[in-house]
Amino acid sequence: MSGRTVSRLARILAMVPYVLAHGGATVSDLCDRFGYTRKELVDDLQIVFLCGLPGYGPGDLIDADVYDDEVVINTADYFASAPRLSPSEGLALLAAGLAVIDSGQAGPELASAVEKLTRTLLPDEDSAVLDVDLAGEPELVGRLRRAAAAGEVLQITYTSMSRDQTTVRQIEPQIVFTSMGNWYVQAHCRLAGGLRQFRVDRIRAIDPTEERFVPPKVPTMPEVRYTPLADDVHCRIALRPSARWVSEYYAVDVVEDKGSDLIIDFATADPNVAARLLLRLGRQANLISGPEVAESLARLRQRVLALYHA
């Protein structure tokens, strides 16, 4: 990674938390504070706009934009505080740093960082154990886990980011699990009439119902995938070889494998999800059909161009 890229990334990682902490910021403030020109700031916001967490739905992608002279960043709460590495992640990072140092290519900054990380992760000569402070579970996880074990029906108030709506529904919890850095509860949802996964951090409230249900003897193994609904938007996409990962990551139907192109049908509650994915993939994907997605893609491209020329 070039020094220019490292410097740019460091500035983005400093700018985004600052905007989040202040509920927005003016263009002039960010330019003065972080040494941006207006064009550099807009270029970095374009990068932020196409980033997010795995899943890449509306609630996982970062929304960054300039309104008049104000910069607003949403759905990026994970930048609000510094991330905490798990023990395995910390040790993996330490091993990588030691490998670079051993190669003779490390600078003094890396050597200093590895020394500090070593003191944090590895015990000293007089220590007999490695003491690791693990982050606690979210507050609602224990409540959901107890309900699943007891067969207790719960009423939850849940916000669906993909549909931008909050609903009250009754669920029969089966399994509480973690995947891709998020906690989920898999439950039979009486409102949807089937098995669903709910992100715990999007549950706004839990209320008891005094009802009981019989938990399944062998619960269905959880899998975090999007469940298409009857009113979803559908489109057909051709994927080049380097974009075939989309068919493995998303819940899609493979229509045809031509070798050079993989043709898939993609369903989503929001056409912007497919449009953002196509914008990220660039020339590695081609929209074959889907008028709603085509319109959203055209608007996104115009928005990016408007940011660039602002």
C-alpha atoms as a PDB file:
ATOM      1  CA  MET A   1       0.000   0.000   0.000  1.00  0.00           C
ATOM      2  CA  SER A   2       1.448   3.362  -1.044  1.00  0.00           C
ATOM      3  CA  GLY A   3       2.123   6.132   1.444  1.00  0.00           C
ATOM      4  CA  ARG A   4      -0.482   8.306  -0.292  1.00  0.00           C
ATOM      5  CA  THR A   5      -3.139   5.610   0.107  1.00  0.00           C
ATOM      6  CA  VAL A   6      -2.277   5.106   3.774  1.00  0.00           C
ATOM      7  CA  SER A   7      -2.504   8.841   4.399  1.00  0.00           C
ATOM      8  CA  ARG A   8      -5.839   9.081   2.613  1.00  0.00           C
ATOM      9  CA  LEU A   9      -7.283   6.136   4.535  1.00  0.00           C
ATOM     10  CA  ALA A  10      -6.093   7.583   7.855  1.00  0.00           C
ATOM     11  CA  ARG A  11      -7.795  10.885   7.070  1.00  0.00           C
ATOM     12  CA  ILE A  12     -11.075   9.158   6.153  1.00  0.00           C
ATOM     13  CA  LEU A  13     -10.979   7.127   9.383  1.00  0.00           C
ATOM     14  CA  ALA A  14     -10.533  10.346  11.344  1.00  0.00           C
ATOM     15  CA  MET A  15     -13.098  12.383   9.415  1.00  0.00           C
ATOM     16  CA  VAL A  16     -16.016   9.920   9.567  1.00  0.00           C
ATOM     17  CA  PRO A  17     -16.086   9.554  13.403  1.00  0.00           C
ATOM     18  CA  TYR A  18     -15.801  13.344  13.726  1.00  0.00           C
ATOM     19  CA  VAL A  19     -18.891  13.887  11.531  1.00  0.00           C
ATOM     20  CA  LEU A  20     -20.812  11.195  13.429  1.00  0.00           C
ATOM     21  CA  ALA A  21     -19.875  12.635  16.821  1.00  0.00           C
ATOM     22  CA  HIS A  22     -21.135  16.086  15.832  1.00  0.00           C
ATOM     23  CA  GLY A  23     -24.256  14.994  13.963  1.00  0.00           C
ATOM     24  CA  GLY A  24     -22.842  16.453  10.758  1.00  0.00           C
ATOM     25  CA  ALA A  25     -20.310  19.125   9.858  1.00  0.00           C
ATOM     26  CA  THR A  26     -19.845  21.887   7.347  1.00  0.00           C
ATOM     27  CA  VAL A  27     -17.587  21.506   4.345  1.00  0.00           C
ATOM     28  CA  SER A  28     -15.440  24.442   5.465  1.00  0.00           C
ATOM     29  CA  ASP A  29     -15.047  22.957   8.965  1.00  0.00           C
ATOM     30  CA  LEU A  30     -13.838  19.607   7.613  1.00  0.00           C
ATOM     31  CA  CYS A  31     -11.511  21.273   5.131  1.00  0.00           C
ATOM     32  CA  ASP A  32      -9.936  23.377   7.878  1.00  0.00           C
ATOM     33  CA  ARG A  33      -9.760  20.594  10.467  1.00  0.00           C
ATOM     34  CA  PHE A  34      -8.456  17.785   8.245  1.00  0.00           C
ATOM     35  CA  GLY A  35      -6.576  19.718   5.592  1.00  0.00           C
ATOM     36  CA  TYR A  36      -8.973  18.914   2.749  1.00  0.00           C
ATOM     37  CA  THR A  37      -9.693  20.836  -0.394  1.00  0.00           C
ATOM     38  CA  ARG A  38     -13.365  20.670  -1.342  1.00  0.00           C
ATOM     39  CA  LYS A  39     -12.600  18.302  -4.229  1.00  0.00           C
ATOM     40  CA  GLU A  40     -10.561  15.964  -1.983  1.00  0.00           C
ATOM     41  CA  LEU A  41     -13.371  15.870   0.567  1.00  0.00           C
ATOM     42  CA  VAL A  42     -15.976  15.053  -2.092  1.00  0.00           C
ATOM     43  CA  ASP A  43     -13.723  12.320  -3.521  1.00  0.00           C
ATOM     44  CA  ASP A  44     -13.382  10.708  -0.085  1.00  0.00           C
ATOM     45  CA  LEU A  45     -17.127  10.933   0.541  1.00  0.00           C
ATOM     46  CA  GLN A  46     -17.680   9.042  -2.719  1.00  0.00           C
ATOM     47  CA  ILE A  47     -15.507   6.241  -1.356  1.00  0.00           C
ATOM     48  CA  VAL A  48     -17.376   6.238   1.966  1.00  0.00           C
ATOM     49  CA  PHE A  49     -20.698   6.212   0.093  1.00  0.00           C
ATOM     50  CA  LEU A  50     -19.842   2.834  -1.482  1.00  0.00           C
ATOM     51  CA  CYS A  51     -18.623   1.177   1.731  1.00  0.00           C
ATOM     52  CA  GLY A  52     -20.422  -0.811   4.403  1.00  0.00           C
ATOM     53  CA  LEU A  53     -20.700  -4.085   6.238  1.00  0.00           C
ATOM     54  CA  PRO A  54     -21.314  -7.550   4.743  1.00  0.00           C
ATOM     55  CA  GLY A  55     -24.889  -7.885   3.689  1.00  0.00           C
ATOM     56  CA  TYR A  56     -24.638  -4.550   1.882  1.00  0.00           C
ATOM     57  CA  GLY A  57     -28.309  -3.757   2.339  1.00  0.00           C
ATOM     58  CA  PRO A  58     -29.670  -0.266   3.014  1.00  0.00           C
ATOM     59  CA  GLY A  59     -28.977  -0.625   6.723  1.00  0.00           C
ATOM     60  CA  ASP A  60     -25.408  -1.817   6.162  1.00  0.00           C
ATOM     61  CA  LEU A  61     -24.104   0.634   3.558  1.00  0.00           C
ATOM     62  CA  ILE A  62     -22.883   4.056   4.660  1.00  0.00           C
ATOM     63  CA  ASP A  63     -24.903   7.020   3.451  1.00  0.00           C
ATOM     64  CA  ALA A  64     -22.611  10.008   2.904  1.00  0.00           C
ATOM     65  CA  ASP A  65     -23.733  13.179   1.182  1.00  0.00           C
ATOM     66  CA  VAL A  66     -23.315  16.948   0.963  1.00  0.00           C
ATOM     67  CA  TYR A  67     -26.479  19.015   1.451  1.00  0.00           C
ATOM     68  CA  ASP A  68     -25.769  22.618   0.503  1.00  0.00           C
ATOM     69  CA  ASP A  69     -22.656  23.159   2.649  1.00  0.00           C
ATOM     70  CA  GLU A  70     -23.290  20.417   5.228  1.00  0.00           C
ATOM     71  CA  VAL A  71     -21.773  16.930   5.239  1.00  0.00           C
ATOM     72  CA  VAL A  72     -24.078  14.236   6.651  1.00  0.00           C
ATOM     73  CA  ILE A  73     -23.078  10.618   7.276  1.00  0.00           C
ATOM     74  CA  ASN A  74     -25.596   7.972   8.363  1.00  0.00           C
ATOM     75  CA  THR A  75     -25.698   4.179   9.004  1.00  0.00           C
ATOM     76  CA  ALA A  76     -22.078   4.150  10.121  1.00  0.00           C
ATOM     77  CA  ASP A  77     -22.483   3.716  13.879  1.00  0.00           C
ATOM     78  CA  TYR A  78     -19.609   1.220  14.008  1.00  0.00           C
ATOM     79  CA  PHE A  79     -17.272   4.174  13.364  1.00  0.00           C
ATOM     80  CA  ALA A  80     -18.547   6.043  16.415  1.00  0.00           C
ATOM     81  CA  SER A  81     -15.979   4.327  18.645  1.00  0.00           C
ATOM     82  CA  ALA A  82     -12.717   2.534  18.049  1.00  0.00           C
ATOM     83  CA  PRO A  83     -13.142  -1.180  17.200  1.00  0.00           C
ATOM     84  CA  ARG A  84     -12.067  -3.778  19.759  1.00  0.00           C
ATOM     85  CA  LEU A  85     -10.085  -6.696  18.382  1.00  0.00           C
ATOM     86  CA  SER A  86     -10.963 -10.205  19.478  1.00  0.00           C
ATOM     87  CA  PRO A  87      -8.081 -12.254  20.963  1.00  0.00           C
ATOM     88  CA  SER A  88      -7.643 -14.182  17.720  1.00  0.00           C
ATOM     89  CA  GLU A  89      -7.690 -10.983  15.644  1.00  0.00           C
ATOM     90  CA  GLY A  90      -5.126  -9.365  17.932  1.00  0.00           C
ATOM     91  CA  LEU A  91      -2.783 -12.343  17.756  1.00  0.00           C
ATOM     92  CA  ALA A  92      -3.182 -12.549  13.966  1.00  0.00           C
ATOM     93  CA  LEU A  93      -2.319  -8.862  13.677  1.00  0.00           C
ATOM     94  CA  LEU A  94       0.691  -9.340  15.939  1.00  0.00           C
ATOM     95  CA  ALA A  95       1.913 -12.321  13.888  1.00  0.00           C
ATOM     96  CA  ALA A  96       1.614 -10.314  10.662  1.00  0.00           C
ATOM     97  CA  GLY A  97       3.518  -7.405  12.175  1.00  0.00           C
ATOM     98  CA  LEU A  98       6.313  -9.672  13.416  1.00  0.00           C
ATOM     99  CA  ALA A  99       6.550 -11.245   9.959  1.00  0.00           C
ATOM    100  CA  VAL A 100       7.032  -7.854   8.312  1.00  0.00           C
ATOM    101  CA  ILE A 101       9.658  -6.892  10.886  1.00  0.00           C
ATOM    102  CA  ASP A 102      11.483 -10.183  10.297  1.00  0.00           C
ATOM    103  CA  SER A 103      11.553  -9.454   6.549  1.00  0.00           C
ATOM    104  CA  GLY A 104      13.520  -6.265   7.191  1.00  0.00           C
ATOM    105  CA  GLN A 105      10.894  -4.082   5.487  1.00  0.00           C
ATOM    106  CA  ALA A 106       9.342  -2.545   8.602  1.00  0.00           C
ATOM    107  CA  GLY A 107       9.657   1.095   9.509  1.00  0.00           C
ATOM    108  CA  PRO A 108      10.044   2.474  13.042  1.00  0.00           C
ATOM    109  CA  GLU A 109       6.305   3.160  13.303  1.00  0.00           C
ATOM    110  CA  LEU A 110       5.430  -0.504  12.773  1.00  0.00           C
ATOM    111  CA  ALA A 111       8.144  -1.658  15.167  1.00  0.00           C
ATOM    112  CA  SER A 112       6.743   0.648  17.850  1.00  0.00           C
ATOM    113  CA  ALA A 113       3.182  -0.568  17.233  1.00  0.00           C
ATOM    114  CA  VAL A 114       4.252  -4.235  17.422  1.00  0.00           C
ATOM    115  CA  GLU A 115       6.095  -3.583  20.685  1.00  0.00           C
ATOM    116  CA  LYS A 116       2.967  -2.045  22.226  1.00  0.00           C
ATOM    117  CA  LEU A 117       0.754  -4.829  20.895  1.00  0.00           C
ATOM    118  CA  THR A 118       3.149  -7.443  22.287  1.00  0.00           C
ATOM    119  CA  ARG A 119       3.005  -5.902  25.759  1.00  0.00           C
ATOM    120  CA  THR A 120      -0.793  -5.934  25.566  1.00  0.00           C
ATOM    121  CA  LEU A 121      -1.316  -9.464  24.258  1.00  0.00           C
ATOM    122  CA  LEU A 122       1.574 -11.523  25.617  1.00  0.00           C
ATOM    123  CA  PRO A 123       2.314 -12.125  29.312  1.00  0.00           C
ATOM    124  CA  ASP A 124       5.557 -10.946  30.814  1.00  0.00           C
ATOM    125  CA  GLU A 125       8.143 -13.301  32.257  1.00  0.00           C
ATOM    126  CA  ASP A 126       6.532 -13.376  35.714  1.00  0.00           C
ATOM    127  CA  SER A 127       3.005 -13.961  34.457  1.00  0.00           C
ATOM    128  CA  ALA A 128       1.539 -17.449  34.333  1.00  0.00           C
ATOM    129  CA  VAL A 129      -1.644 -16.649  32.421  1.00  0.00           C
ATOM    130  CA  LEU A 130      -2.852 -14.494  29.555  1.00  0.00           C
ATOM    131  CA  ASP A 131      -5.602 -12.174  30.810  1.00  0.00           C
ATOM    132  CA  VAL A 132      -7.958 -11.133  28.026  1.00  0.00           C
ATOM    133  CA  ASP A 133     -10.797  -8.674  28.601  1.00  0.00           C
ATOM    134  CA  LEU A 134     -13.683  -9.708  26.367  1.00  0.00           C
ATOM    135  CA  ALA A 135     -16.499  -7.346  25.484  1.00  0.00           C
ATOM    136  CA  GLY A 136     -19.798  -8.338  27.056  1.00  0.00           C
ATOM    137  CA  GLU A 137     -22.855  -9.491  25.143  1.00  0.00           C
ATOM    138  CA  PRO A 138     -25.553  -6.957  24.224  1.00  0.00           C
ATOM    139  CA  GLU A 139     -28.174  -6.604  26.942  1.00  0.00           C
ATOM    140  CA  LEU A 140     -31.004  -8.244  24.982  1.00  0.00           C
ATOM    141  CA  VAL A 141     -29.038 -11.387  24.071  1.00  0.00           C
ATOM    142  CA  GLY A 142     -29.496 -12.998  27.483  1.00  0.00           C
ATOM    143  CA  ARG A 143     -33.214 -12.198  27.521  1.00  0.00           C
ATOM    144  CA  LEU A 144     -33.715 -13.780  24.096  1.00  0.00           C
ATOM    145  CA  ARG A 145     -31.599 -16.811  25.007  1.00  0.00           C
ATOM    146  CA  ARG A 146     -33.677 -17.442  28.158  1.00  0.00           C
ATOM    147  CA  ALA A 147     -36.906 -17.136  26.182  1.00  0.00           C
ATOM    148  CA  ALA A 148     -35.655 -19.645  23.601  1.00  0.00           C
ATOM    149  CA  ALA A 149     -34.750 -22.140  26.346  1.00  0.00           C
ATOM    150  CA  ALA A 150     -38.092 -21.708  28.152  1.00  0.00           C
ATOM    151  CA  GLY A 151     -40.307 -21.684  25.062  1.00  0.00           C
ATOM    152  CA  GLU A 152     -41.541 -18.157  25.832  1.00  0.00           C
ATOM    153  CA  VAL A 153     -43.365 -16.126  23.194  1.00  0.00           C
ATOM    154  CA  LEU A 154     -42.083 -12.553  23.062  1.00  0.00           C
ATOM    155  CA  GLN A 155     -43.482  -9.375  21.581  1.00  0.00           C
ATOM    156  CA  ILE A 156     -40.785  -7.283  19.947  1.00  0.00           C
ATOM    157  CA  THR A 157     -40.685  -3.849  18.391  1.00  0.00           C
ATOM    158  CA  TYR A 158     -38.383  -4.250  15.400  1.00  0.00           C
ATOM    159  CA  THR A 159     -36.960  -1.819  12.855  1.00  0.00           C
ATOM    160  CA  SER A 160     -36.291  -3.246   9.394  1.00  0.00           C
ATOM    161  CA  MET A 161     -33.633  -1.120   7.696  1.00  0.00           C
ATOM    162  CA  SER A 162     -34.276  -2.696   4.270  1.00  0.00           C
ATOM    163  CA  ARG A 163     -37.907  -1.527   4.380  1.00  0.00           C
ATOM    164  CA  ASP A 164     -37.425   1.527   6.587  1.00  0.00           C
ATOM    165  CA  GLN A 165     -40.300   0.562   8.889  1.00  0.00           C
ATOM    166  CA  THR A 166     -40.839  -0.388  12.514  1.00  0.00           C
ATOM    167  CA  THR A 167     -43.304  -3.142  13.369  1.00  0.00           C
ATOM    168  CA  VAL A 168     -44.593  -4.863  16.499  1.00  0.00           C
ATOM    169  CA  ARG A 169     -44.653  -8.640  16.149  1.00  0.00           C
ATOM    170  CA  GLN A 170     -44.787 -11.789  18.243  1.00  0.00           C
ATOM    171  CA  ILE A 171     -41.945 -14.263  17.872  1.00  0.00           C
ATOM    172  CA  GLU A 172     -41.065 -17.749  19.110  1.00  0.00           C
ATOM    173  CA  PRO A 173     -37.269 -17.576  19.668  1.00  0.00           C
ATOM    174  CA  GLN A 174     -35.285 -20.687  18.733  1.00  0.00           C
ATOM    175  CA  ILE A 175     -31.588 -19.828  18.455  1.00  0.00           C
ATOM    176  CA  VAL A 176     -29.519 -16.781  19.421  1.00  0.00           C
ATOM    177  CA  PHE A 177     -26.265 -16.577  17.471  1.00  0.00           C
ATOM    178  CA  THR A 178     -23.608 -14.217  16.155  1.00  0.00           C
ATOM    179  CA  SER A 179     -22.553 -13.817  12.540  1.00  0.00           C
ATOM    180  CA  MET A 180     -20.347 -11.293  10.725  1.00  0.00           C
ATOM    181  CA  GLY A 181     -19.985  -9.193  13.871  1.00  0.00           C
ATOM    182  CA  ASN A 182     -23.714  -8.946  14.647  1.00  0.00           C
ATOM    183  CA  TRP A 183     -26.046 -10.786  17.056  1.00  0.00           C
ATOM    184  CA  TYR A 184     -29.194 -12.404  15.675  1.00  0.00           C
ATOM    185  CA  VAL A 185     -32.188 -14.306  16.992  1.00  0.00           C
ATOM    186  CA  GLN A 186     -33.761 -16.919  14.751  1.00  0.00           C
ATOM    187  CA  ALA A 187     -37.456 -17.232  15.513  1.00  0.00           C
ATOM    188  CA  HIS A 188     -40.817 -18.210  14.126  1.00  0.00           C
ATOM    189  CA  CYS A 189     -42.454 -14.865  13.399  1.00  0.00           C
ATOM    190  CA  ARG A 190     -46.231 -14.941  13.730  1.00  0.00           C
ATOM    191  CA  LEU A 191     -46.582 -11.760  11.672  1.00  0.00           C
ATOM    192  CA  ALA A 192     -44.580 -13.158   8.735  1.00  0.00           C
ATOM    193  CA  GLY A 193     -45.877 -16.681   9.248  1.00  0.00           C
ATOM    194  CA  GLY A 194     -42.475 -18.319   9.014  1.00  0.00           C
ATOM    195  CA  LEU A 195     -38.906 -18.576  10.233  1.00  0.00           C
ATOM    196  CA  ARG A 196     -37.003 -15.281  10.251  1.00  0.00           C
ATOM    197  CA  GLN A 197     -33.707 -13.871  11.542  1.00  0.00           C
ATOM    198  CA  PHE A 198     -33.772 -10.580  13.477  1.00  0.00           C
ATOM    199  CA  ARG A 199     -30.715  -8.474  14.236  1.00  0.00           C
ATOM    200  CA  VAL A 200     -30.650  -7.922  17.978  1.00  0.00           C
ATOM    201  CA  ASP A 201     -29.417  -4.327  17.719  1.00  0.00           C
ATOM    202  CA  ARG A 202     -32.535  -3.480  15.693  1.00  0.00           C
ATOM    203  CA  ILE A 203     -34.931  -4.754  18.351  1.00  0.00           C
ATOM    204  CA  ARG A 204     -36.194  -1.577  20.035  1.00  0.00           C
ATOM    205  CA  ALA A 205     -38.193  -3.256  22.822  1.00  0.00           C
ATOM    206  CA  ILE A 206     -39.073  -6.694  24.203  1.00  0.00           C
ATOM    207  CA  ASP A 207     -42.322  -7.330  26.086  1.00  0.00           C
ATOM    208  CA  PRO A 208     -43.503 -10.599  27.678  1.00  0.00           C
ATOM    209  CA  THR A 209     -46.741 -12.180  26.463  1.00  0.00           C
ATOM    210  CA  GLU A 210     -47.245 -14.888  29.130  1.00  0.00           C
ATOM    211  CA  GLU A 211     -47.633 -17.369  26.237  1.00  0.00           C
ATOM    212  CA  ARG A 212     -45.588 -20.510  25.721  1.00  0.00           C
ATOM    213  CA  PHE A 213     -44.671 -22.577  22.662  1.00  0.00           C
ATOM    214  CA  VAL A 214     -43.046 -25.975  22.193  1.00  0.00           C
ATOM    215  CA  PRO A 215     -39.470 -25.467  20.919  1.00  0.00           C
ATOM    216  CA  PRO A 216     -38.457 -27.770  18.035  1.00  0.00           C
ATOM    217  CA  LYS A 217     -36.373 -30.761  19.108  1.00  0.00           C
ATOM    218  CA  VAL A 218     -33.842 -30.001  16.367  1.00  0.00           C
ATOM    219  CA  PRO A 219     -33.877 -26.276  15.498  1.00  0.00           C
ATOM    220  CA  THR A 220     -33.086 -25.286  11.928  1.00  0.00           C
ATOM    221  CA  MET A 221     -29.455 -24.241  11.708  1.00  0.00           C
ATOM    222  CA  PRO A 222     -29.291 -20.464  11.325  1.00  0.00           C
ATOM    223  CA  GLU A 223     -28.108 -18.861   8.120  1.00  0.00           C
ATOM    224  CA  VAL A 224     -28.076 -15.102   7.611  1.00  0.00           C
ATOM    225  CA  ARG A 225     -29.528 -14.664   4.144  1.00  0.00           C
ATOM    226  CA  TYR A 226     -32.128 -12.346   2.691  1.00  0.00           C
ATOM    227  CA  THR A 227     -35.613 -13.894   2.365  1.00  0.00           C
ATOM    228  CA  PRO A 228     -37.331 -12.661  -0.828  1.00  0.00           C
ATOM    229  CA  LEU A 229     -40.937 -11.507  -0.437  1.00  0.00           C
ATOM    230  CA  ALA A 230     -43.818 -11.346  -2.903  1.00  0.00           C
ATOM    231  CA  ASP A 231     -43.564  -7.583  -3.493  1.00  0.00           C
ATOM    232  CA  ASP A 232     -39.786  -7.508  -3.963  1.00  0.00           C
ATOM    233  CA  VAL A 233     -38.103  -5.851  -6.920  1.00  0.00           C
ATOM    234  CA  HIS A 234     -36.465  -8.341  -9.308  1.00  0.00           C
ATOM    235  CA  CYS A 235     -33.666  -7.855 -11.796  1.00  0.00           C
ATOM    236  CA  ARG A 236     -31.408 -10.021 -13.966  1.00  0.00           C
ATOM    237  CA  ILE A 237     -27.652  -9.492 -13.836  1.00  0.00           C
ATOM    238  CA  ALA A 238     -24.707 -10.910 -15.782  1.00  0.00           C
ATOM    239  CA  LEU A 239     -21.619 -11.436 -13.613  1.00  0.00           C
ATOM    240  CA  ARG A 240     -18.082 -11.568 -14.964  1.00  0.00           C
ATOM    241  CA  PRO A 241     -15.724 -14.180 -13.403  1.00  0.00           C
ATOM    242  CA  SER A 242     -14.337 -11.841 -10.735  1.00  0.00           C
ATOM    243  CA  ALA A 243     -17.882 -10.998  -9.577  1.00  0.00           C
ATOM    244  CA  ARG A 244     -19.142 -14.574  -9.192  1.00  0.00           C
ATOM    245  CA  TRP A 245     -18.845 -14.225  -5.413  1.00  0.00           C
ATOM    246  CA  VAL A 246     -22.193 -12.396  -5.547  1.00  0.00           C
ATOM    247  CA  SER A 247     -23.973 -15.682  -6.316  1.00  0.00           C
ATOM    248  CA  GLU A 248     -22.459 -17.269  -3.209  1.00  0.00           C
ATOM    249  CA  TYR A 249     -22.956 -14.338  -0.854  1.00  0.00           C
ATOM    250  CA  TYR A 250     -26.502 -13.261  -1.762  1.00  0.00           C
ATOM    251  CA  ALA A 251     -29.720 -15.287  -2.009  1.00  0.00           C
ATOM    252  CA  VAL A 252     -29.947 -15.331  -5.806  1.00  0.00           C
ATOM    253  CA  ASP A 253     -31.246 -17.731  -8.457  1.00  0.00           C
ATOM    254  CA  VAL A 254     -28.669 -18.839 -11.015  1.00  0.00           C
ATOM    255  CA  VAL A 255     -30.325 -18.734 -14.451  1.00  0.00           C
ATOM    256  CA  GLU A 256     -27.435 -19.758 -16.690  1.00  0.00           C
ATOM    257  CA  ASP A 257     -23.698 -20.325 -16.492  1.00  0.00           C
ATOM    258  CA  LYS A 258     -22.068 -19.328 -19.769  1.00  0.00           C
ATOM    259  CA  GLY A 259     -18.540 -19.768 -18.484  1.00  0.00           C
ATOM    260  CA  SER A 260     -17.522 -16.182 -19.141  1.00  0.00           C
ATOM    261  CA  ASP A 261     -20.764 -14.816 -17.635  1.00  0.00           C
ATOM    262  CA  LEU A 262     -22.977 -16.081 -14.822  1.00  0.00           C
ATOM    263  CA  ILE A 263     -26.593 -14.973 -15.247  1.00  0.00           C
ATOM    264  CA  ILE A 264     -28.513 -14.508 -11.987  1.00  0.00           C
ATOM    265  CA  ASP A 265     -31.897 -13.254 -10.842  1.00  0.00           C
ATOM    266  CA  PHE A 266     -31.589 -10.865  -7.880  1.00  0.00           C
ATOM    267  CA  ALA A 267     -34.502 -10.009  -5.553  1.00  0.00           C
ATOM    268  CA  THR A 268     -34.513  -7.122  -3.080  1.00  0.00           C
ATOM    269  CA  ALA A 269     -36.956  -4.997  -1.113  1.00  0.00           C
ATOM    270  CA  ASP A 270     -35.171  -1.827  -2.240  1.00  0.00           C
ATOM    271  CA  PRO A 271     -33.884  -1.326  -5.817  1.00  0.00           C
ATOM    272  CA  ASN A 272     -31.076   0.834  -4.391  1.00  0.00           C
ATOM    273  CA  VAL A 273     -29.504  -2.313  -2.910  1.00  0.00           C
ATOM    274  CA  ALA A 274     -29.014  -3.871  -6.354  1.00  0.00           C
ATOM    275  CA  ALA A 275     -28.082  -0.489  -7.839  1.00  0.00           C
ATOM    276  CA  ARG A 276     -25.330   0.102  -5.286  1.00  0.00           C
ATOM    277  CA  LEU A 277     -24.011  -3.407  -5.834  1.00  0.00           C
ATOM    278  CA  LEU A 278     -23.853  -2.800  -9.602  1.00  0.00           C
ATOM    279  CA  LEU A 279     -22.144   0.532  -9.049  1.00  0.00           C
ATOM    280  CA  ARG A 280     -19.489  -1.158  -6.875  1.00  0.00           C
ATOM    281  CA  LEU A 281     -18.939  -3.962  -9.381  1.00  0.00           C
ATOM    282  CA  GLY A 282     -18.489  -1.560 -12.305  1.00  0.00           C
ATOM    283  CA  ARG A 283     -17.569  -3.386 -15.514  1.00  0.00           C
ATOM    284  CA  GLN A 284     -17.595  -6.746 -13.745  1.00  0.00           C
ATOM    285  CA  ALA A 285     -21.409  -6.867 -13.896  1.00  0.00           C
ATOM    286  CA  ASN A 286     -24.097  -5.896 -16.379  1.00  0.00           C
ATOM    287  CA  LEU A 287     -27.776  -5.233 -15.703  1.00  0.00           C
ATOM    288  CA  ILE A 288     -29.785  -7.262 -18.228  1.00  0.00           C
ATOM    289  CA  SER A 289     -33.316  -6.385 -17.057  1.00  0.00           C
ATOM    290  CA  GLY A 290     -35.096  -4.671 -14.178  1.00  0.00           C
ATOM    291  CA  PRO A 291     -36.487  -1.168 -14.854  1.00  0.00           C
ATOM    292  CA  GLU A 292     -36.690  -0.149 -11.176  1.00  0.00           C
ATOM    293  CA  VAL A 293     -33.041  -1.061 -10.615  1.00  0.00           C
ATOM    294  CA  ALA A 294     -32.031   0.679 -13.860  1.00  0.00           C
ATOM    295  CA  GLU A 295     -33.705   3.901 -12.669  1.00  0.00           C
ATOM    296  CA  SER A 296     -32.022   3.671  -9.252  1.00  0.00           C
ATOM    297  CA  LEU A 297     -28.645   2.984 -10.871  1.00  0.00           C
ATOM    298  CA  ALA A 298     -29.024   6.034 -13.122  1.00  0.00           C
ATOM    299  CA  ARG A 299     -29.865   8.223 -10.101  1.00  0.00           C
ATOM    300  CA  LEU A 300     -26.884   6.892  -8.130  1.00  0.00           C
ATOM    301  CA  ARG A 301     -24.532   7.605 -11.025  1.00  0.00           C
ATOM    302  CA  GLN A 302     -25.893  11.142 -11.304  1.00  0.00           C
ATOM    303  CA  ARG A 303     -25.476  11.600  -7.569  1.00  0.00           C
ATOM    304  CA  VAL A 304     -21.860  10.479  -7.687  1.00  0.00           C
ATOM    305  CA  LEU A 305     -21.149  12.775 -10.627  1.00  0.00           C
ATOM    306  CA  ALA A 306     -22.843  15.669  -8.813  1.00  0.00           C
ATOM    307  CA  LEU A 307     -20.649  15.039  -5.754  1.00  0.00           C
ATOM    308  CA  TYR A 308     -17.572  14.930  -7.947  1.00  0.00           C
ATOM    309  CA  HIS A 309     -18.373  18.219  -9.683  1.00  0.00           C
ATOM    310  CA  ALA A 310     -19.616  19.984  -6.534  1.00  0.00           C
END
